[in-house]
Structure formats: structure tokens, C-alpha cells
N, C-alpha and C. Protein backbone atom coordinates (compact mmCIF):
# COMPACT_ATOMS: atom_id res chain seq x y z
N UNK A 1 69.07 156.80 75.37
CA UNK A 1 70.42 157.01 74.85
C UNK A 1 70.44 158.33 74.08
N UNK A 2 71.65 158.83 73.82
CA UNK A 2 71.78 160.09 73.10
C UNK A 2 71.92 159.83 71.60
N UNK A 3 71.56 160.85 70.82
CA UNK A 3 71.62 160.75 69.36
C UNK A 3 72.43 161.92 68.81
N UNK A 4 72.78 161.82 67.53
CA UNK A 4 73.52 162.90 66.90
C UNK A 4 72.72 164.20 66.96
N UNK A 5 73.39 165.28 67.31
CA UNK A 5 72.75 166.58 67.37
C UNK A 5 71.97 166.84 68.63
N UNK A 6 71.95 165.90 69.56
CA UNK A 6 71.21 166.10 70.81
C UNK A 6 71.98 167.05 71.71
N UNK A 7 71.31 168.10 72.19
CA UNK A 7 71.95 169.10 73.03
C UNK A 7 71.62 168.92 74.51
N UNK A 8 70.50 168.28 74.81
CA UNK A 8 70.10 168.12 76.20
C UNK A 8 70.53 166.78 76.77
N UNK A 9 70.06 166.51 77.97
CA UNK A 9 70.36 165.25 78.63
C UNK A 9 69.53 164.12 78.04
N UNK A 10 69.93 162.91 78.35
CA UNK A 10 69.12 161.77 77.98
C UNK A 10 67.85 161.72 78.82
N UNK A 11 66.82 161.06 78.31
CA UNK A 11 65.59 160.93 79.06
C UNK A 11 65.85 160.14 80.35
N UNK A 12 65.38 160.66 81.45
CA UNK A 12 65.65 160.04 82.75
C UNK A 12 64.81 158.78 82.92
N UNK A 13 65.43 157.77 83.50
CA UNK A 13 64.73 156.52 83.80
C UNK A 13 64.89 156.14 85.26
N UNK A 14 65.19 157.14 86.10
CA UNK A 14 65.32 156.89 87.54
C UNK A 14 65.07 158.18 88.29
N UNK A 15 64.80 158.05 89.57
CA UNK A 15 64.58 159.21 90.42
C UNK A 15 65.84 160.07 90.51
N UNK A 16 67.01 159.44 90.65
CA UNK A 16 68.26 160.19 90.78
C UNK A 16 68.56 160.98 89.52
N UNK A 17 68.34 160.37 88.37
CA UNK A 17 68.59 161.07 87.12
C UNK A 17 67.67 162.28 86.96
N UNK A 18 66.42 162.14 87.35
CA UNK A 18 65.49 163.27 87.30
C UNK A 18 65.93 164.40 88.23
N UNK A 19 66.39 164.03 89.43
CA UNK A 19 66.86 165.04 90.37
C UNK A 19 68.11 165.75 89.85
N UNK A 20 69.01 165.01 89.21
CA UNK A 20 70.19 165.64 88.63
C UNK A 20 69.82 166.61 87.51
N UNK A 21 68.83 166.26 86.71
CA UNK A 21 68.37 167.16 85.65
C UNK A 21 67.74 168.41 86.23
N UNK A 22 66.93 168.24 87.27
CA UNK A 22 66.31 169.40 87.92
C UNK A 22 67.36 170.33 88.52
N UNK A 23 68.39 169.75 89.13
CA UNK A 23 69.45 170.59 89.71
C UNK A 23 70.22 171.34 88.62
N UNK A 24 70.45 170.68 87.48
CA UNK A 24 71.11 171.36 86.37
C UNK A 24 70.28 172.55 85.89
N UNK A 25 68.97 172.36 85.74
CA UNK A 25 68.11 173.46 85.30
C UNK A 25 68.10 174.59 86.34
N UNK A 26 68.08 174.21 87.61
CA UNK A 26 68.09 175.19 88.71
C UNK A 26 69.38 176.02 88.66
N UNK A 27 70.53 175.35 88.51
CA UNK A 27 71.81 176.05 88.48
C UNK A 27 71.93 176.91 87.22
N UNK A 28 71.48 176.39 86.07
CA UNK A 28 71.59 177.16 84.83
C UNK A 28 70.72 178.40 84.87
N UNK A 29 69.54 178.32 85.49
CA UNK A 29 68.68 179.50 85.61
C UNK A 29 69.39 180.60 86.40
N UNK A 30 70.02 180.23 87.51
CA UNK A 30 70.73 181.22 88.32
C UNK A 30 71.92 181.79 87.55
N UNK A 31 72.67 180.95 86.84
CA UNK A 31 73.83 181.43 86.09
C UNK A 31 73.43 182.36 84.95
N UNK A 32 72.32 182.05 84.29
CA UNK A 32 71.84 182.92 83.21
C UNK A 32 71.42 184.28 83.76
N UNK A 33 70.73 184.28 84.89
CA UNK A 33 70.32 185.54 85.50
C UNK A 33 71.52 186.39 85.90
N UNK A 34 72.56 185.76 86.46
CA UNK A 34 73.77 186.49 86.84
C UNK A 34 74.46 187.04 85.59
N UNK A 35 74.55 186.24 84.54
CA UNK A 35 75.21 186.69 83.31
C UNK A 35 74.46 187.86 82.69
N UNK A 36 73.13 187.81 82.70
CA UNK A 36 72.34 188.92 82.14
C UNK A 36 72.54 190.18 82.96
N UNK A 37 72.55 190.05 84.28
CA UNK A 37 72.74 191.22 85.14
C UNK A 37 74.11 191.84 84.95
N UNK A 38 75.17 191.00 84.92
CA UNK A 38 76.52 191.52 84.73
C UNK A 38 76.67 192.16 83.36
N UNK A 39 76.11 191.53 82.32
CA UNK A 39 76.17 192.12 80.99
C UNK A 39 75.45 193.45 80.92
N UNK A 40 74.29 193.53 81.56
CA UNK A 40 73.54 194.79 81.58
C UNK A 40 74.34 195.90 82.27
N UNK A 41 74.97 195.58 83.41
CA UNK A 41 75.76 196.58 84.13
C UNK A 41 76.97 197.01 83.31
N UNK A 42 77.61 196.07 82.61
CA UNK A 42 78.76 196.43 81.78
C UNK A 42 78.36 197.38 80.66
N UNK A 43 77.23 197.10 80.02
CA UNK A 43 76.77 197.99 78.95
C UNK A 43 76.43 199.37 79.49
N UNK A 44 75.79 199.39 80.66
CA UNK A 44 75.45 200.69 81.27
C UNK A 44 76.70 201.50 81.61
N UNK A 45 77.73 200.82 82.13
CA UNK A 45 78.97 201.53 82.47
C UNK A 45 79.68 202.05 81.23
N UNK A 46 79.66 201.28 80.15
CA UNK A 46 80.33 201.72 78.93
C UNK A 46 79.61 202.90 78.28
N UNK A 47 78.32 202.94 78.42
CA UNK A 47 77.55 204.02 77.79
C UNK A 47 77.37 205.22 78.69
N UNK A 48 77.84 205.13 79.94
CA UNK A 48 77.65 206.23 80.89
C UNK A 48 78.83 207.19 80.82
N UNK A 49 78.54 208.49 81.02
CA UNK A 49 79.57 209.53 81.06
C UNK A 49 79.96 209.88 82.48
N UNK A 50 79.34 209.26 83.46
CA UNK A 50 79.63 209.56 84.85
C UNK A 50 80.95 208.92 85.27
N UNK A 51 81.63 209.54 86.22
CA UNK A 51 82.92 209.05 86.70
C UNK A 51 82.93 209.04 88.21
N UNK A 52 83.61 208.05 88.79
CA UNK A 52 83.71 207.97 90.25
C UNK A 52 85.15 207.90 90.70
N UNK A 53 86.02 208.73 90.10
CA UNK A 53 87.44 208.67 90.42
C UNK A 53 87.73 209.07 91.87
N UNK A 54 86.90 209.92 92.44
CA UNK A 54 87.17 210.43 93.78
C UNK A 54 86.35 209.70 94.84
N UNK A 55 85.73 208.60 94.48
CA UNK A 55 84.98 207.80 95.44
C UNK A 55 85.96 206.95 96.25
N UNK A 56 86.03 207.18 97.55
CA UNK A 56 87.01 206.52 98.40
C UNK A 56 86.48 205.20 98.96
N UNK A 57 85.25 205.18 99.39
CA UNK A 57 84.69 203.96 99.97
C UNK A 57 83.17 203.97 99.82
N UNK A 58 82.62 202.77 99.79
CA UNK A 58 81.17 202.59 99.73
C UNK A 58 80.86 201.31 100.51
N UNK A 59 80.80 201.43 101.81
CA UNK A 59 80.65 200.26 102.66
C UNK A 59 79.31 199.54 102.43
N UNK A 60 78.28 200.29 102.15
CA UNK A 60 77.00 199.65 101.87
C UNK A 60 77.05 198.79 100.63
N UNK A 61 77.69 199.35 99.57
CA UNK A 61 77.81 198.59 98.32
C UNK A 61 78.70 197.36 98.52
N UNK A 62 79.78 197.49 99.29
CA UNK A 62 80.66 196.36 99.56
C UNK A 62 79.92 195.26 100.33
N UNK A 63 79.05 195.67 101.24
CA UNK A 63 78.27 194.67 101.98
C UNK A 63 77.32 193.93 101.06
N UNK A 64 76.74 194.66 100.10
CA UNK A 64 75.80 194.03 99.16
C UNK A 64 76.53 193.02 98.30
N UNK A 65 77.67 193.40 97.69
CA UNK A 65 78.33 192.47 96.79
C UNK A 65 79.11 191.38 97.53
N UNK A 66 79.11 191.42 98.85
CA UNK A 66 79.63 190.30 99.64
C UNK A 66 78.51 189.35 100.05
N UNK A 67 77.38 189.90 100.46
CA UNK A 67 76.28 189.06 100.96
C UNK A 67 75.52 188.39 99.82
N UNK A 68 75.30 189.09 98.71
CA UNK A 68 74.52 188.51 97.62
C UNK A 68 75.20 187.27 97.03
N UNK A 69 76.51 187.29 96.72
CA UNK A 69 77.13 186.04 96.24
C UNK A 69 77.09 184.92 97.27
N UNK A 70 77.18 185.26 98.57
CA UNK A 70 77.10 184.23 99.60
C UNK A 70 75.73 183.56 99.60
N UNK A 71 74.68 184.36 99.42
CA UNK A 71 73.34 183.79 99.36
C UNK A 71 73.17 182.93 98.12
N UNK A 72 73.71 183.38 96.98
CA UNK A 72 73.62 182.59 95.75
C UNK A 72 74.33 181.25 95.91
N UNK A 73 75.52 181.26 96.50
CA UNK A 73 76.25 180.01 96.74
C UNK A 73 75.47 179.09 97.67
N UNK A 74 74.79 179.65 98.66
CA UNK A 74 73.99 178.84 99.56
C UNK A 74 72.82 178.20 98.82
N UNK A 75 72.18 178.97 97.93
CA UNK A 75 71.05 178.44 97.16
C UNK A 75 71.52 177.30 96.25
N UNK A 76 72.76 177.36 95.77
CA UNK A 76 73.29 176.28 94.94
C UNK A 76 73.80 175.11 95.77
N UNK A 77 74.33 175.40 96.95
CA UNK A 77 74.97 174.35 97.75
C UNK A 77 73.96 173.42 98.40
N UNK A 78 72.82 173.93 98.86
CA UNK A 78 71.86 173.10 99.59
C UNK A 78 71.34 171.94 98.72
N UNK A 79 70.80 172.20 97.52
CA UNK A 79 70.36 171.05 96.70
C UNK A 79 71.51 170.18 96.22
N UNK A 80 72.71 170.78 96.06
CA UNK A 80 73.85 169.98 95.62
C UNK A 80 74.26 168.98 96.70
N UNK A 81 74.32 169.41 97.95
CA UNK A 81 74.68 168.50 99.04
C UNK A 81 73.61 167.44 99.23
N UNK A 82 72.35 167.84 99.08
CA UNK A 82 71.25 166.85 99.18
C UNK A 82 71.41 165.76 98.12
N UNK A 83 71.70 166.17 96.89
CA UNK A 83 71.88 165.19 95.82
C UNK A 83 73.10 164.31 96.08
N UNK A 84 74.16 164.89 96.64
CA UNK A 84 75.37 164.13 96.92
C UNK A 84 75.08 162.99 97.89
N UNK A 85 74.29 163.26 98.91
CA UNK A 85 73.94 162.22 99.87
C UNK A 85 72.96 161.22 99.28
N UNK A 86 72.06 161.68 98.40
CA UNK A 86 71.13 160.75 97.77
C UNK A 86 71.86 159.76 96.86
N UNK A 87 72.91 160.23 96.19
CA UNK A 87 73.66 159.36 95.30
C UNK A 87 74.40 158.27 96.07
N UNK A 88 74.79 158.57 97.30
CA UNK A 88 75.54 157.59 98.09
C UNK A 88 74.65 156.73 98.97
N UNK A 89 73.36 157.05 99.01
CA UNK A 89 72.46 156.34 99.90
C UNK A 89 72.03 155.00 99.30
N UNK A 90 72.24 153.93 100.03
CA UNK A 90 71.78 152.61 99.64
C UNK A 90 70.90 152.08 100.78
N UNK A 91 69.60 152.02 100.53
CA UNK A 91 68.66 151.63 101.58
C UNK A 91 68.62 150.11 101.73
N UNK A 92 67.47 149.54 101.72
CA UNK A 92 67.32 148.09 101.82
C UNK A 92 67.04 147.53 100.43
N UNK A 93 68.09 147.12 99.71
CA UNK A 93 67.89 146.67 98.32
C UNK A 93 67.14 145.35 98.25
N UNK A 94 66.27 145.27 97.26
CA UNK A 94 65.55 144.02 97.00
C UNK A 94 66.43 143.05 96.20
N UNK A 95 67.20 143.60 95.26
CA UNK A 95 68.06 142.79 94.42
C UNK A 95 69.46 143.40 94.44
N UNK A 96 70.47 142.54 94.54
CA UNK A 96 71.86 142.97 94.45
C UNK A 96 72.50 142.31 93.23
N UNK A 97 73.16 143.13 92.45
CA UNK A 97 73.86 142.63 91.26
C UNK A 97 75.31 143.08 91.32
N UNK A 98 76.22 142.20 90.98
CA UNK A 98 77.64 142.53 90.96
C UNK A 98 78.11 142.65 89.52
N UNK A 99 78.73 143.78 89.21
CA UNK A 99 79.28 144.04 87.88
C UNK A 99 80.80 144.09 87.99
N UNK A 100 81.46 143.21 87.25
CA UNK A 100 82.92 143.11 87.29
C UNK A 100 83.47 143.44 85.90
N UNK A 101 84.37 144.40 85.85
CA UNK A 101 84.97 144.81 84.59
C UNK A 101 86.17 143.96 84.22
N UNK A 102 86.27 143.62 82.95
CA UNK A 102 87.40 142.86 82.42
C UNK A 102 87.89 143.58 81.16
N UNK A 103 89.07 143.23 80.73
CA UNK A 103 89.54 143.71 79.43
C UNK A 103 89.13 142.69 78.35
N UNK A 104 88.06 142.97 77.55
CA UNK A 104 87.26 144.18 77.56
C UNK A 104 85.81 143.76 77.46
N UNK A 105 85.22 143.41 78.57
CA UNK A 105 83.82 143.02 78.66
C UNK A 105 83.40 143.13 80.12
N UNK A 106 82.12 142.98 80.36
CA UNK A 106 81.58 143.01 81.72
C UNK A 106 81.01 141.65 82.06
N UNK A 107 81.15 141.26 83.31
CA UNK A 107 80.50 140.05 83.81
C UNK A 107 79.58 140.44 84.96
N UNK A 108 78.45 139.75 85.06
CA UNK A 108 77.42 140.08 86.05
C UNK A 108 77.08 138.85 86.87
N UNK A 109 76.83 139.08 88.15
CA UNK A 109 76.47 138.01 89.07
C UNK A 109 75.26 138.42 89.91
N UNK A 110 74.32 137.50 90.06
CA UNK A 110 73.17 137.67 90.94
C UNK A 110 73.28 136.59 92.01
N UNK A 111 74.08 136.86 93.02
CA UNK A 111 74.36 135.83 94.02
C UNK A 111 73.26 135.67 95.06
N UNK A 112 72.37 136.67 95.19
CA UNK A 112 71.35 136.58 96.22
C UNK A 112 70.04 135.97 95.73
N UNK A 113 69.97 135.58 94.47
CA UNK A 113 68.78 134.90 93.96
C UNK A 113 68.99 133.39 94.08
N UNK A 114 67.90 132.67 94.01
CA UNK A 114 67.95 131.23 94.28
C UNK A 114 68.84 130.49 93.29
N UNK A 115 68.78 130.90 92.02
CA UNK A 115 69.52 130.17 90.99
C UNK A 115 70.98 130.58 90.89
N UNK A 116 71.35 131.72 91.51
CA UNK A 116 72.73 132.18 91.45
C UNK A 116 73.23 132.42 90.04
N UNK A 117 72.59 133.34 89.33
CA UNK A 117 72.91 133.58 87.92
C UNK A 117 74.22 134.34 87.78
N UNK A 118 75.00 133.98 86.79
CA UNK A 118 76.21 134.68 86.43
C UNK A 118 76.48 134.54 84.95
N UNK A 119 76.88 135.61 84.28
CA UNK A 119 77.13 135.55 82.83
C UNK A 119 78.05 136.69 82.42
N UNK A 120 78.63 136.55 81.25
CA UNK A 120 79.47 137.59 80.65
C UNK A 120 78.67 138.36 79.61
N UNK A 121 79.04 139.61 79.43
CA UNK A 121 78.33 140.48 78.49
C UNK A 121 79.34 141.09 77.52
N UNK A 122 79.31 140.64 76.27
CA UNK A 122 80.22 141.11 75.24
C UNK A 122 79.47 141.99 74.24
N UNK A 123 80.20 142.93 73.65
CA UNK A 123 79.61 143.75 72.61
C UNK A 123 79.36 142.92 71.36
N UNK A 124 78.24 143.18 70.70
CA UNK A 124 77.91 142.52 69.44
C UNK A 124 78.60 143.25 68.30
N UNK A 125 79.33 142.52 67.48
CA UNK A 125 80.03 143.12 66.36
C UNK A 125 79.09 143.65 65.30
N UNK A 126 79.58 144.54 64.48
CA UNK A 126 78.75 145.16 63.44
C UNK A 126 78.14 144.13 62.50
N UNK A 127 78.86 143.09 62.03
CA UNK A 127 78.23 142.13 61.11
C UNK A 127 77.08 141.34 61.74
N UNK A 128 77.05 141.26 63.07
CA UNK A 128 76.02 140.46 63.74
C UNK A 128 74.84 141.28 64.22
N UNK A 129 74.82 142.57 63.96
CA UNK A 129 73.73 143.42 64.42
C UNK A 129 72.46 143.14 63.64
N UNK A 130 71.34 143.22 64.34
CA UNK A 130 70.03 143.11 63.69
C UNK A 130 69.53 144.50 63.32
N UNK A 131 68.49 144.54 62.52
CA UNK A 131 67.93 145.84 62.12
C UNK A 131 67.37 146.57 63.34
N UNK A 132 67.77 147.82 63.49
CA UNK A 132 67.33 148.61 64.63
C UNK A 132 68.29 148.60 65.80
N UNK A 133 69.31 147.75 65.78
CA UNK A 133 70.29 147.72 66.85
C UNK A 133 71.25 148.91 66.72
N UNK A 134 71.86 149.26 67.83
CA UNK A 134 72.77 150.39 67.87
C UNK A 134 74.22 149.90 67.81
N UNK A 135 74.97 150.46 66.90
CA UNK A 135 76.37 150.05 66.72
C UNK A 135 77.19 150.45 67.94
N UNK A 136 78.05 149.55 68.39
CA UNK A 136 78.96 149.74 69.52
C UNK A 136 78.23 149.83 70.86
N UNK A 137 76.93 149.56 70.90
CA UNK A 137 76.18 149.64 72.15
C UNK A 137 75.44 148.36 72.50
N UNK A 138 75.18 147.50 71.54
CA UNK A 138 74.42 146.27 71.81
C UNK A 138 75.35 145.18 72.36
N UNK A 139 74.80 144.38 73.27
CA UNK A 139 75.55 143.27 73.87
C UNK A 139 74.78 141.97 73.68
N UNK A 140 75.50 140.86 73.86
CA UNK A 140 74.84 139.57 73.68
C UNK A 140 73.99 139.18 74.89
N UNK A 141 74.37 139.63 76.09
CA UNK A 141 73.60 139.33 77.31
C UNK A 141 73.38 140.62 78.10
N UNK A 142 72.13 141.05 78.17
CA UNK A 142 71.79 142.25 78.93
C UNK A 142 71.62 141.91 80.41
N UNK A 143 72.06 142.81 81.27
CA UNK A 143 71.74 142.65 82.69
C UNK A 143 70.32 143.17 82.92
N UNK A 144 69.62 142.57 83.86
CA UNK A 144 68.20 142.86 84.09
C UNK A 144 67.99 143.18 85.57
N UNK A 145 67.19 144.21 85.83
CA UNK A 145 66.82 144.59 87.19
C UNK A 145 65.37 145.03 87.20
N UNK A 146 64.65 144.83 88.31
CA UNK A 146 63.24 145.25 88.38
C UNK A 146 63.12 146.74 88.65
N UNK A 147 62.06 147.33 88.16
CA UNK A 147 61.79 148.74 88.44
C UNK A 147 60.77 148.86 89.58
N UNK A 148 60.73 150.04 90.18
CA UNK A 148 59.80 150.29 91.29
C UNK A 148 60.29 149.82 92.63
N UNK A 149 61.50 149.25 92.70
CA UNK A 149 62.08 148.79 93.96
C UNK A 149 63.52 149.28 94.02
N UNK A 150 64.13 149.18 95.20
CA UNK A 150 65.52 149.58 95.37
C UNK A 150 66.44 148.42 94.97
N UNK A 151 67.38 148.72 94.10
CA UNK A 151 68.38 147.75 93.67
C UNK A 151 69.77 148.23 94.05
N UNK A 152 70.67 147.30 94.23
CA UNK A 152 72.05 147.63 94.54
C UNK A 152 72.97 146.99 93.51
N UNK A 153 73.95 147.76 93.04
CA UNK A 153 74.94 147.27 92.10
C UNK A 153 76.31 147.37 92.76
N UNK A 154 77.00 146.26 92.86
CA UNK A 154 78.36 146.21 93.40
C UNK A 154 79.33 146.20 92.22
N UNK A 155 80.22 147.16 92.18
CA UNK A 155 81.09 147.37 91.02
C UNK A 155 82.53 147.09 91.42
N UNK A 156 83.19 146.24 90.65
CA UNK A 156 84.60 145.93 90.89
C UNK A 156 85.26 145.60 89.55
N UNK A 157 86.54 145.26 89.61
CA UNK A 157 87.29 144.95 88.40
C UNK A 157 88.20 143.76 88.64
N UNK A 158 88.48 143.03 87.57
CA UNK A 158 89.35 141.86 87.66
C UNK A 158 90.77 142.14 87.18
N UNK A 159 90.99 143.31 86.53
CA UNK A 159 92.32 143.57 86.00
C UNK A 159 92.75 145.02 86.19
N UNK A 160 92.22 145.94 85.37
CA UNK A 160 92.59 147.35 85.47
C UNK A 160 91.36 148.16 85.89
N UNK A 161 91.53 149.46 86.03
CA UNK A 161 90.43 150.32 86.45
C UNK A 161 89.47 150.54 85.27
N UNK A 162 88.21 150.23 85.49
CA UNK A 162 87.14 150.52 84.56
C UNK A 162 86.16 151.49 85.24
N UNK A 163 85.06 151.79 84.57
CA UNK A 163 84.01 152.63 85.17
C UNK A 163 82.66 152.20 84.60
N UNK A 164 81.74 151.87 85.51
CA UNK A 164 80.41 151.40 85.13
C UNK A 164 79.48 152.61 85.17
N UNK A 165 78.99 153.03 84.00
CA UNK A 165 78.23 154.28 83.91
C UNK A 165 76.99 154.09 83.05
N UNK A 166 75.87 154.62 83.54
CA UNK A 166 74.60 154.67 82.81
C UNK A 166 74.06 156.09 82.90
N UNK A 167 74.26 156.93 81.88
CA UNK A 167 73.83 158.33 81.95
C UNK A 167 72.34 158.52 82.18
N UNK A 168 71.49 157.70 81.54
CA UNK A 168 70.04 157.89 81.67
C UNK A 168 69.54 157.50 83.06
N UNK A 169 70.35 156.78 83.82
CA UNK A 169 69.98 156.41 85.19
C UNK A 169 70.65 157.33 86.20
N UNK A 170 71.68 158.07 85.75
CA UNK A 170 72.35 159.02 86.64
C UNK A 170 73.35 158.38 87.58
N UNK A 171 73.99 157.29 87.16
CA UNK A 171 74.96 156.62 88.03
C UNK A 171 76.27 156.43 87.27
N UNK A 172 77.36 156.45 88.02
CA UNK A 172 78.69 156.18 87.49
C UNK A 172 79.58 155.81 88.67
N UNK A 173 80.29 154.71 88.54
CA UNK A 173 81.16 154.25 89.62
C UNK A 173 82.41 153.62 89.03
N UNK A 174 83.55 153.90 89.64
CA UNK A 174 84.80 153.30 89.20
C UNK A 174 84.84 151.83 89.60
N UNK A 175 85.34 151.01 88.71
CA UNK A 175 85.57 149.59 88.99
C UNK A 175 87.06 149.41 89.24
N UNK A 176 87.42 149.29 90.50
CA UNK A 176 88.83 149.25 90.91
C UNK A 176 89.19 147.84 91.36
N UNK A 177 90.30 147.30 90.89
CA UNK A 177 90.71 145.96 91.33
C UNK A 177 90.93 145.90 92.84
N UNK A 178 90.38 144.88 93.47
CA UNK A 178 90.54 144.72 94.91
C UNK A 178 89.62 145.58 95.75
N UNK A 179 88.71 146.30 95.12
CA UNK A 179 87.78 147.16 95.85
C UNK A 179 86.39 147.01 95.28
N UNK A 180 85.39 147.11 96.14
CA UNK A 180 84.00 146.99 95.71
C UNK A 180 83.27 148.30 96.03
N UNK A 181 82.78 148.98 95.01
CA UNK A 181 81.95 150.17 95.18
C UNK A 181 80.49 149.79 94.96
N UNK A 182 79.59 150.50 95.60
CA UNK A 182 78.18 150.17 95.47
C UNK A 182 77.38 151.36 94.98
N UNK A 183 76.35 151.05 94.22
CA UNK A 183 75.43 152.04 93.67
C UNK A 183 74.01 151.66 94.03
N UNK A 184 73.16 152.65 94.15
CA UNK A 184 71.75 152.43 94.38
C UNK A 184 70.98 152.78 93.12
N UNK A 185 70.16 151.85 92.64
CA UNK A 185 69.37 152.05 91.42
C UNK A 185 67.89 151.86 91.75
N UNK A 186 67.09 152.82 91.32
CA UNK A 186 65.64 152.71 91.48
C UNK A 186 65.01 153.25 90.20
N UNK A 187 64.56 152.36 89.36
CA UNK A 187 64.02 152.75 88.06
C UNK A 187 62.58 153.21 88.19
N UNK A 188 62.23 154.19 87.36
CA UNK A 188 60.87 154.73 87.39
C UNK A 188 59.92 153.96 86.49
N UNK A 189 60.43 153.10 85.61
CA UNK A 189 59.56 152.35 84.72
C UNK A 189 60.38 151.41 83.86
N UNK A 190 59.71 150.64 83.00
CA UNK A 190 60.44 149.71 82.12
C UNK A 190 61.21 150.47 81.05
N UNK A 191 62.27 149.85 80.60
CA UNK A 191 63.06 150.48 79.55
C UNK A 191 64.42 149.84 79.44
N UNK A 192 65.19 150.32 78.47
CA UNK A 192 66.55 149.84 78.23
C UNK A 192 67.50 151.02 78.35
N UNK A 193 68.49 150.89 79.20
CA UNK A 193 69.48 151.94 79.42
C UNK A 193 70.82 151.51 78.85
N UNK A 194 71.43 152.41 78.09
CA UNK A 194 72.72 152.12 77.46
C UNK A 194 73.81 152.94 78.15
N UNK A 195 74.96 152.31 78.30
CA UNK A 195 76.10 153.00 78.88
C UNK A 195 77.38 152.42 78.33
N UNK A 196 78.50 152.99 78.73
CA UNK A 196 79.80 152.53 78.29
C UNK A 196 80.81 152.68 79.42
N UNK A 197 81.92 152.00 79.30
CA UNK A 197 83.01 152.17 80.25
C UNK A 197 83.51 153.61 80.15
N UNK A 198 83.60 154.29 81.30
CA UNK A 198 83.96 155.71 81.31
C UNK A 198 85.35 155.95 81.88
N UNK A 199 86.19 154.94 81.86
CA UNK A 199 87.58 155.06 82.30
C UNK A 199 88.45 154.37 81.25
N UNK A 200 89.42 155.11 80.70
CA UNK A 200 90.27 154.54 79.65
C UNK A 200 91.01 153.34 80.23
N UNK A 201 90.71 152.16 79.70
CA UNK A 201 91.21 150.92 80.28
C UNK A 201 92.04 150.09 79.31
N UNK A 202 92.37 150.64 78.14
CA UNK A 202 93.18 149.90 77.20
C UNK A 202 92.72 150.11 75.77
N UNK A 203 93.26 149.29 74.89
CA UNK A 203 93.05 149.50 73.45
C UNK A 203 91.59 149.29 73.06
N UNK A 204 90.88 148.41 73.73
CA UNK A 204 89.47 148.15 73.40
C UNK A 204 88.51 148.80 74.40
N UNK A 205 88.94 149.92 74.95
CA UNK A 205 88.10 150.64 75.92
C UNK A 205 86.74 151.01 75.35
N UNK A 206 86.69 151.34 74.07
CA UNK A 206 85.44 151.78 73.45
C UNK A 206 84.53 150.64 73.06
N UNK A 207 84.91 149.42 73.37
CA UNK A 207 84.15 148.26 72.89
C UNK A 207 83.68 147.37 74.04
N UNK A 208 83.33 147.99 75.17
CA UNK A 208 82.74 147.22 76.27
C UNK A 208 81.52 147.97 76.81
N UNK A 209 80.44 147.99 76.02
CA UNK A 209 79.24 148.75 76.43
C UNK A 209 78.49 148.08 77.57
N UNK A 210 77.54 148.82 78.11
CA UNK A 210 76.68 148.35 79.21
C UNK A 210 75.24 148.51 78.76
N UNK A 211 74.47 147.46 78.87
CA UNK A 211 73.04 147.51 78.54
C UNK A 211 72.27 146.92 79.72
N UNK A 212 71.40 147.72 80.29
CA UNK A 212 70.59 147.28 81.43
C UNK A 212 69.12 147.43 81.08
N UNK A 213 68.37 146.37 81.27
CA UNK A 213 66.94 146.36 80.98
C UNK A 213 66.16 146.34 82.30
N UNK A 214 65.29 147.33 82.49
CA UNK A 214 64.44 147.37 83.68
C UNK A 214 63.07 146.78 83.34
N UNK A 215 62.66 145.80 84.13
CA UNK A 215 61.41 145.09 83.89
C UNK A 215 60.60 145.06 85.18
N UNK A 216 59.38 144.56 85.09
CA UNK A 216 58.54 144.44 86.28
C UNK A 216 59.07 143.33 87.18
N UNK A 217 58.65 143.35 88.43
CA UNK A 217 59.10 142.34 89.38
C UNK A 217 58.69 140.95 88.96
N UNK A 218 57.49 140.82 88.35
CA UNK A 218 57.02 139.51 87.89
C UNK A 218 57.90 138.97 86.77
N UNK A 219 58.23 139.86 85.82
CA UNK A 219 59.09 139.43 84.70
C UNK A 219 60.48 139.09 85.22
N UNK A 220 60.98 139.86 86.17
CA UNK A 220 62.30 139.58 86.73
C UNK A 220 62.32 138.23 87.45
N UNK A 221 61.25 137.92 88.18
CA UNK A 221 61.17 136.62 88.85
C UNK A 221 61.19 135.47 87.86
N UNK A 222 60.49 135.64 86.74
CA UNK A 222 60.52 134.60 85.70
C UNK A 222 61.89 134.50 85.06
N UNK A 223 62.56 135.64 84.91
CA UNK A 223 63.88 135.64 84.27
C UNK A 223 64.92 134.91 85.12
N UNK A 224 64.91 135.15 86.43
CA UNK A 224 65.91 134.52 87.29
C UNK A 224 65.59 133.04 87.54
N UNK A 225 64.35 132.65 87.31
CA UNK A 225 63.99 131.24 87.54
C UNK A 225 64.32 130.38 86.31
């Protein structure tokens, strides 16, 4: 989760989140290099006494400033399109979980497990928090998924549009009434991921957090049993 004064991204807990962070660093490196080059050229032009008022054409220079931006856009587009397809890819999930948004809480269903677990997840109020808990982020029932395997999350809504988002996992999906969107989750290790509804859904929009705990397959089997 993020803290006060944090300037960077949250620590990644999934392959997709790590790839998104790498792409951000890749794009920022290119943008910084372009900004430095443009700034250097501007300073050189301001300090130069040379003039090109009678220069009519420079086809070589025009070709350069046409081809170089095209190559830069290509270098940015290829990893971006790859990530776009990775975010939409859902392979053969081991576990499927359904997340349904309500005003103003989340309900979760594990229909493909033997016991058919289903429960509601409400935010814990400030007076009920324990020492070390995070205000406005803790819930009474955490959803649980195993790490090291492919998981699928089906996102929908029972009333208005919500959004199920976990920044440290790199996923976000709208919860639309009458429609089911799916996400692919593959955690890199155990941990707790915090998120919140990312679509303004009413007066208590800020009070329906998401807490997902990634555990080993053995612990998950014991939990569902």
C-alpha cells in the first residue's frame, strides 16, 4: 500500500504489476532524454548569434525530424501493446472468484470450490480497529487467493457502477450492473494487497475498501475447506 510522502509506485505483488512498473521506467527514461535534448537545443539557439533567415529548405533535416519521432513512438508502442494484451489475457485459471459491488460494500463468491463459499466484506470502522490496522482500508472479511498459479476474478455490480482496483497487483476493472468483466491475477508471493473502489458510486464511495490476501495453495485449500 502507499504511505504519506510516497512518490513512487507501490511494491509489486504480481507479474503484471512488475511489467507495468518496468514500462513506466522505460517510457520515463525516453521522455527525460527527449526533454534534455530539446532543452539543450533551446539554450544553444538562444545563446547563438547565427541566423538562418534565408534558409529555404532542408530536406535532410526534415527527414530526420520525421523519422526519429516515428522510431521513438515505435519503441514506446511495442511494449505498450504487449502489456495491453497481457492485461486482457486469461489463461486456464485454477481458482475463479466473483466480486460484486454494492452500495457500499463488496461481496465475494467462490462457486467453483467444493464448499461454495460466499461472504460480504465491509469496512471496519475506526473505533473497531486494532493496533497496526489501516484506517479506511481494513475489512471484516478478506478475500483470499493462492499465489504462484493463475487466478480469475469476475467483476460485476448489483446496483450502480463500481470499480474493483488493486494498485499493487496492477489490476482495475469496472463493476457494471448486468455485465461481468474478468481479470487475470497471478501473485508472485504471499502478502496483503489493499485497494478501493475507483468509480464514484455514491455518498459512501470512500468507505468500501478491497483487501486481498495471497497465500500458498496448501493454506488456500485449508481455508476453503
